[in-house]
Amino acid sequence: QVHLVESGGGLVQPGGSLRLSCVGSGMLLSNYDMNWYRQAPGKSREWVALMTPSGNTKYVDSVKGRFSIYRDNAENTLYLQMDNLTPEDTAIYYCYNRNGWGQGTQVTVSS
C-alpha cells in the first residue's frame, strides 16, 4: 500500500521558518516527480514546488527565494524548507505524486 504522510506544520510568526516533511511508504520518492501544493481557506489548491527524479526544482513565483524543496533518499522523505513566512503562506500544505495525495499539514503564519 502506497501513501504519503506530511508533518511539520504549525503556528509561526511572520518572518519565521518551518520545515515540512513528507514521508513515502510503499514507493521510492526519488522515482517520481514530487510536488508540494497548498490550499488556503476559501481558495483552490495551488501548486507550490516540484522536484524531479533528477533533482531539478521549480517554484511558484510567490515563494521563489523563500522556499526550498529537497529530498533525503536515505530517509525516503521530501522536505519543504520555508523561510521568511508571511500571513499569505497560511494554508494546508500537501505533498503529491502520481500515486496520490498526503493528508496535509496546517501552516499558520500569524502574530
N, C-alpha and C. Protein backbone atom coordinates (compact mmCIF):
# COMPACT_ATOMS: atom_id res chain seq x y z
N GLN A 1 0.84 -1.18 0.00
CA GLN A 1 0.00 0.00 0.00
C GLN A 1 0.89 1.24 0.00
N VAL A 2 0.61 2.16 -0.92
CA VAL A 2 1.43 3.34 -1.04
C VAL A 2 0.70 4.52 -0.42
N HIS A 3 1.44 5.32 0.30
CA HIS A 3 0.87 6.57 0.77
C HIS A 3 1.95 7.54 1.18
N LEU A 4 1.52 8.81 1.33
CA LEU A 4 2.38 9.92 1.70
C LEU A 4 1.86 10.51 3.00
N VAL A 5 2.77 10.85 3.91
CA VAL A 5 2.38 11.41 5.19
C VAL A 5 3.20 12.67 5.45
N GLU A 6 2.49 13.80 5.56
CA GLU A 6 3.15 15.07 5.83
C GLU A 6 3.19 15.35 7.32
N SER A 7 4.17 16.16 7.71
CA SER A 7 4.27 16.65 9.08
C SER A 7 5.09 17.92 9.08
N GLY A 8 5.13 18.58 10.25
CA GLY A 8 5.98 19.75 10.39
C GLY A 8 5.26 21.09 10.39
N GLY A 9 3.97 21.08 10.16
CA GLY A 9 3.23 22.32 10.19
C GLY A 9 3.09 22.86 11.60
N GLY A 10 2.55 24.08 11.69
CA GLY A 10 2.36 24.68 12.99
C GLY A 10 2.08 26.16 12.86
N LEU A 11 2.12 26.83 14.01
CA LEU A 11 1.91 28.27 14.08
C LEU A 11 3.27 28.97 14.17
N VAL A 12 3.48 29.94 13.32
CA VAL A 12 4.74 30.67 13.31
C VAL A 12 4.46 32.14 13.08
N GLN A 13 5.30 32.99 13.62
CA GLN A 13 5.15 34.43 13.42
C GLN A 13 5.65 34.84 12.04
N PRO A 14 5.14 35.94 11.51
CA PRO A 14 5.68 36.45 10.24
C PRO A 14 7.18 36.62 10.30
N GLY A 15 7.85 36.22 9.22
CA GLY A 15 9.30 36.25 9.19
C GLY A 15 9.95 34.98 9.68
N GLY A 16 9.16 34.10 10.26
CA GLY A 16 9.70 32.85 10.80
C GLY A 16 9.88 31.78 9.74
N SER A 17 10.29 30.60 10.21
CA SER A 17 10.59 29.48 9.32
C SER A 17 9.93 28.21 9.82
N LEU A 18 9.64 27.33 8.89
CA LEU A 18 9.17 25.98 9.19
C LEU A 18 9.77 25.04 8.15
N ARG A 19 9.91 23.78 8.54
CA ARG A 19 10.30 22.76 7.59
C ARG A 19 9.24 21.66 7.59
N LEU A 20 8.66 21.45 6.42
CA LEU A 20 7.67 20.39 6.26
C LEU A 20 8.34 19.12 5.76
N SER A 21 7.81 17.99 6.19
CA SER A 21 8.32 16.70 5.76
C SER A 21 7.20 15.90 5.11
N CYS A 22 7.57 15.06 4.16
CA CYS A 22 6.63 14.16 3.51
C CYS A 22 7.33 12.81 3.38
N VAL A 23 6.87 11.84 4.15
CA VAL A 23 7.46 10.51 4.14
C VAL A 23 6.65 9.61 3.21
N GLY A 24 7.35 8.88 2.36
CA GLY A 24 6.68 7.95 1.46
C GLY A 24 6.74 6.53 1.98
N SER A 25 5.66 5.80 1.80
CA SER A 25 5.61 4.39 2.15
C SER A 25 5.18 3.60 0.94
N GLY A 26 5.83 2.46 0.72
CA GLY A 26 5.45 1.60 -0.40
C GLY A 26 5.92 2.09 -1.74
N MET A 27 6.79 3.10 -1.77
CA MET A 27 7.31 3.64 -3.02
C MET A 27 8.58 4.43 -2.71
N LEU A 28 9.44 4.54 -3.69
CA LEU A 28 10.64 5.36 -3.56
C LEU A 28 10.34 6.74 -4.13
N LEU A 29 10.37 7.75 -3.28
CA LEU A 29 10.03 9.10 -3.73
C LEU A 29 10.98 9.57 -4.83
N SER A 30 12.19 9.08 -4.84
CA SER A 30 13.17 9.53 -5.84
C SER A 30 12.82 9.07 -7.25
N ASN A 31 11.86 8.18 -7.38
CA ASN A 31 11.44 7.70 -8.70
C ASN A 31 10.38 8.58 -9.34
N TYR A 32 9.87 9.56 -8.60
CA TYR A 32 8.71 10.32 -9.05
C TYR A 32 8.97 11.81 -9.06
N ASP A 33 8.22 12.53 -9.92
CA ASP A 33 8.07 13.96 -9.73
C ASP A 33 7.33 14.16 -8.41
N MET A 34 7.95 14.91 -7.50
CA MET A 34 7.36 15.16 -6.19
C MET A 34 6.99 16.63 -6.08
N ASN A 35 5.77 16.87 -5.63
CA ASN A 35 5.24 18.22 -5.58
C ASN A 35 4.75 18.58 -4.18
N TRP A 36 4.83 19.85 -3.88
CA TRP A 36 4.11 20.43 -2.75
C TRP A 36 3.02 21.34 -3.32
N TYR A 37 1.83 21.22 -2.74
CA TYR A 37 0.70 22.08 -3.02
C TYR A 37 0.24 22.70 -1.70
N ARG A 38 -0.58 23.73 -1.82
CA ARG A 38 -1.19 24.30 -0.63
C ARG A 38 -2.60 24.79 -0.95
N GLN A 39 -3.42 24.81 0.08
CA GLN A 39 -4.79 25.30 -0.06
C GLN A 39 -5.11 26.22 1.11
N ALA A 40 -5.30 27.49 0.78
CA ALA A 40 -5.66 28.48 1.78
C ALA A 40 -7.18 28.48 1.97
N PRO A 41 -7.65 28.96 3.12
CA PRO A 41 -9.10 28.99 3.36
C PRO A 41 -9.83 29.74 2.26
N GLY A 42 -10.86 29.11 1.72
CA GLY A 42 -11.68 29.74 0.70
C GLY A 42 -11.06 29.82 -0.68
N LYS A 43 -9.90 29.19 -0.85
CA LYS A 43 -9.21 29.25 -2.15
C LYS A 43 -9.00 27.85 -2.70
N SER A 44 -8.73 27.78 -3.99
CA SER A 44 -8.45 26.49 -4.61
C SER A 44 -7.02 26.06 -4.30
N ARG A 45 -6.77 24.77 -4.47
CA ARG A 45 -5.43 24.24 -4.20
C ARG A 45 -4.44 24.81 -5.22
N GLU A 46 -3.27 25.19 -4.73
CA GLU A 46 -2.26 25.87 -5.52
C GLU A 46 -0.98 25.06 -5.52
N TRP A 47 -0.40 24.84 -6.68
CA TRP A 47 0.91 24.21 -6.76
C TRP A 47 1.97 25.16 -6.22
N VAL A 48 2.93 24.60 -5.46
CA VAL A 48 3.96 25.42 -4.82
C VAL A 48 5.36 25.09 -5.35
N ALA A 49 5.70 23.81 -5.40
CA ALA A 49 7.08 23.45 -5.74
C ALA A 49 7.12 22.03 -6.29
N LEU A 50 8.15 21.77 -7.09
CA LEU A 50 8.36 20.47 -7.74
C LEU A 50 9.82 20.07 -7.62
N MET A 51 10.03 18.78 -7.38
CA MET A 51 11.37 18.21 -7.54
C MET A 51 11.25 16.99 -8.43
N THR A 52 12.06 16.92 -9.47
CA THR A 52 12.04 15.78 -10.38
C THR A 52 12.97 14.69 -9.88
N PRO A 53 12.89 13.50 -10.45
CA PRO A 53 13.81 12.43 -10.03
C PRO A 53 15.28 12.81 -10.22
N SER A 54 15.58 13.63 -11.19
CA SER A 54 16.97 14.04 -11.42
C SER A 54 17.42 15.15 -10.50
N GLY A 55 16.49 15.69 -9.72
CA GLY A 55 16.85 16.73 -8.77
C GLY A 55 16.55 18.14 -9.22
N ASN A 56 15.98 18.31 -10.40
CA ASN A 56 15.59 19.66 -10.83
C ASN A 56 14.43 20.15 -9.98
N THR A 57 14.41 21.46 -9.76
CA THR A 57 13.37 22.05 -8.93
C THR A 57 12.71 23.23 -9.65
N LYS A 58 11.45 23.45 -9.30
CA LYS A 58 10.69 24.61 -9.78
C LYS A 58 9.81 25.11 -8.66
N TYR A 59 9.50 26.42 -8.71
CA TYR A 59 8.70 27.03 -7.67
C TYR A 59 7.69 28.00 -8.28
N VAL A 60 6.56 28.14 -7.60
CA VAL A 60 5.65 29.22 -7.95
C VAL A 60 6.32 30.54 -7.61
N ASP A 61 6.04 31.57 -8.38
CA ASP A 61 6.75 32.83 -8.22
C ASP A 61 6.66 33.40 -6.80
N SER A 62 5.53 33.20 -6.15
CA SER A 62 5.31 33.82 -4.84
C SER A 62 6.22 33.27 -3.75
N VAL A 63 6.86 32.12 -3.97
CA VAL A 63 7.72 31.55 -2.93
C VAL A 63 9.18 31.49 -3.34
N LYS A 64 9.50 31.89 -4.56
CA LYS A 64 10.89 31.83 -5.02
C LYS A 64 11.78 32.66 -4.11
N GLY A 65 12.91 32.08 -3.75
CA GLY A 65 13.84 32.76 -2.86
C GLY A 65 13.53 32.59 -1.38
N ARG A 66 12.34 32.04 -1.07
CA ARG A 66 11.97 31.84 0.33
C ARG A 66 11.80 30.36 0.68
N PHE A 67 11.33 29.58 -0.26
CA PHE A 67 11.08 28.16 -0.04
C PHE A 67 12.12 27.33 -0.79
N SER A 68 12.42 26.17 -0.23
CA SER A 68 13.36 25.26 -0.88
C SER A 68 12.84 23.83 -0.74
N ILE A 69 12.72 23.14 -1.87
CA ILE A 69 12.29 21.74 -1.88
C ILE A 69 13.52 20.87 -2.04
N TYR A 70 13.60 19.82 -1.23
CA TYR A 70 14.73 18.90 -1.35
C TYR A 70 14.32 17.54 -0.82
N ARG A 71 15.20 16.58 -1.03
CA ARG A 71 14.83 15.18 -0.77
C ARG A 71 15.98 14.47 -0.08
N ASP A 72 15.65 13.63 0.86
CA ASP A 72 16.63 12.75 1.51
C ASP A 72 16.31 11.33 1.06
N ASN A 73 17.07 10.82 0.13
CA ASN A 73 16.76 9.49 -0.42
C ASN A 73 16.93 8.38 0.62
N ALA A 74 17.89 8.53 1.51
CA ALA A 74 18.10 7.51 2.53
C ALA A 74 16.90 7.40 3.47
N GLU A 75 16.24 8.54 3.72
CA GLU A 75 15.07 8.56 4.59
C GLU A 75 13.77 8.46 3.80
N ASN A 76 13.88 8.44 2.47
CA ASN A 76 12.69 8.41 1.60
C ASN A 76 11.71 9.52 1.99
N THR A 77 12.26 10.71 2.16
CA THR A 77 11.50 11.85 2.66
C THR A 77 11.72 13.07 1.77
N LEU A 78 10.64 13.76 1.50
CA LEU A 78 10.67 15.03 0.79
C LEU A 78 10.49 16.14 1.80
N TYR A 79 11.20 17.24 1.62
CA TYR A 79 11.11 18.37 2.53
C TYR A 79 10.71 19.64 1.80
N LEU A 80 10.13 20.56 2.55
CA LEU A 80 9.92 21.92 2.07
C LEU A 80 10.38 22.86 3.17
N GLN A 81 11.53 23.47 2.96
CA GLN A 81 12.04 24.49 3.90
C GLN A 81 11.40 25.81 3.54
N MET A 82 10.74 26.42 4.49
CA MET A 82 10.01 27.66 4.26
C MET A 82 10.57 28.75 5.17
N ASP A 83 11.12 29.78 4.59
CA ASP A 83 11.71 30.88 5.34
C ASP A 83 10.98 32.18 5.04
N ASN A 84 11.17 33.15 5.92
CA ASN A 84 10.57 34.47 5.75
C ASN A 84 9.07 34.35 5.45
N LEU A 85 8.40 33.58 6.26
CA LEU A 85 6.98 33.31 6.05
C LEU A 85 6.14 34.57 6.26
N THR A 86 5.06 34.65 5.50
CA THR A 86 4.10 35.75 5.61
C THR A 86 2.71 35.18 5.87
N PRO A 87 1.77 36.01 6.33
CA PRO A 87 0.40 35.51 6.54
C PRO A 87 -0.21 34.91 5.28
N GLU A 88 0.25 35.37 4.12
CA GLU A 88 -0.29 34.83 2.85
C GLU A 88 0.15 33.38 2.62
N ASP A 89 1.09 32.90 3.38
CA ASP A 89 1.52 31.50 3.27
C ASP A 89 0.65 30.56 4.11
N THR A 90 -0.26 31.12 4.88
CA THR A 90 -1.14 30.30 5.69
C THR A 90 -2.00 29.40 4.80
N ALA A 91 -1.94 28.09 5.05
CA ALA A 91 -2.64 27.13 4.22
C ALA A 91 -2.42 25.73 4.78
N ILE A 92 -3.17 24.79 4.24
CA ILE A 92 -2.84 23.38 4.43
C ILE A 92 -1.90 22.99 3.30
N TYR A 93 -0.77 22.39 3.66
CA TYR A 93 0.23 22.01 2.68
C TYR A 93 0.17 20.49 2.46
N TYR A 94 0.20 20.11 1.19
CA TYR A 94 0.09 18.72 0.80
C TYR A 94 1.29 18.33 -0.07
N CYS A 95 1.77 17.11 0.08
CA CYS A 95 2.68 16.58 -0.93
C CYS A 95 1.89 15.67 -1.85
N TYR A 96 2.40 15.55 -3.07
CA TYR A 96 1.67 14.84 -4.12
C TYR A 96 2.63 14.22 -5.11
N ASN A 97 2.36 12.99 -5.49
CA ASN A 97 2.92 12.42 -6.70
C ASN A 97 1.83 11.64 -7.41
N ARG A 98 2.14 10.96 -8.48
CA ARG A 98 1.08 10.37 -9.28
C ARG A 98 0.34 9.26 -8.55
N ASN A 99 0.88 8.81 -7.40
CA ASN A 99 0.16 7.82 -6.60
C ASN A 99 -0.93 8.45 -5.75
N GLY A 100 -0.88 9.76 -5.58
CA GLY A 100 -1.91 10.41 -4.80
C GLY A 100 -1.41 11.48 -3.86
N TRP A 101 -2.28 11.85 -2.93
CA TRP A 101 -2.04 12.95 -2.00
C TRP A 101 -1.81 12.45 -0.59
N GLY A 102 -1.01 13.24 0.14
CA GLY A 102 -0.98 13.04 1.58
C GLY A 102 -2.20 13.69 2.22
N GLN A 103 -2.26 13.62 3.56
CA GLN A 103 -3.42 14.14 4.27
C GLN A 103 -3.30 15.63 4.55
N GLY A 104 -2.13 16.19 4.39
CA GLY A 104 -1.92 17.62 4.59
C GLY A 104 -1.44 17.95 5.98
N THR A 105 -0.77 19.11 6.09
CA THR A 105 -0.32 19.64 7.38
C THR A 105 -0.59 21.15 7.38
N GLN A 106 -1.15 21.63 8.48
CA GLN A 106 -1.59 23.03 8.56
C GLN A 106 -0.41 23.94 8.90
N VAL A 107 -0.27 25.00 8.14
CA VAL A 107 0.70 26.05 8.42
C VAL A 107 -0.07 27.35 8.64
N THR A 108 0.15 27.96 9.79
CA THR A 108 -0.50 29.23 10.12
C THR A 108 0.57 30.25 10.45
N VAL A 109 0.55 31.36 9.72
CA VAL A 109 1.52 32.43 9.94
C VAL A 109 0.75 33.63 10.50
N SER A 110 1.01 33.93 11.76
CA SER A 110 0.25 34.98 12.42
C SER A 110 1.03 35.50 13.61
N SER A 111 0.86 36.79 13.88
CA SER A 111 1.46 37.38 15.07
C SER A 111 0.49 37.32 16.26
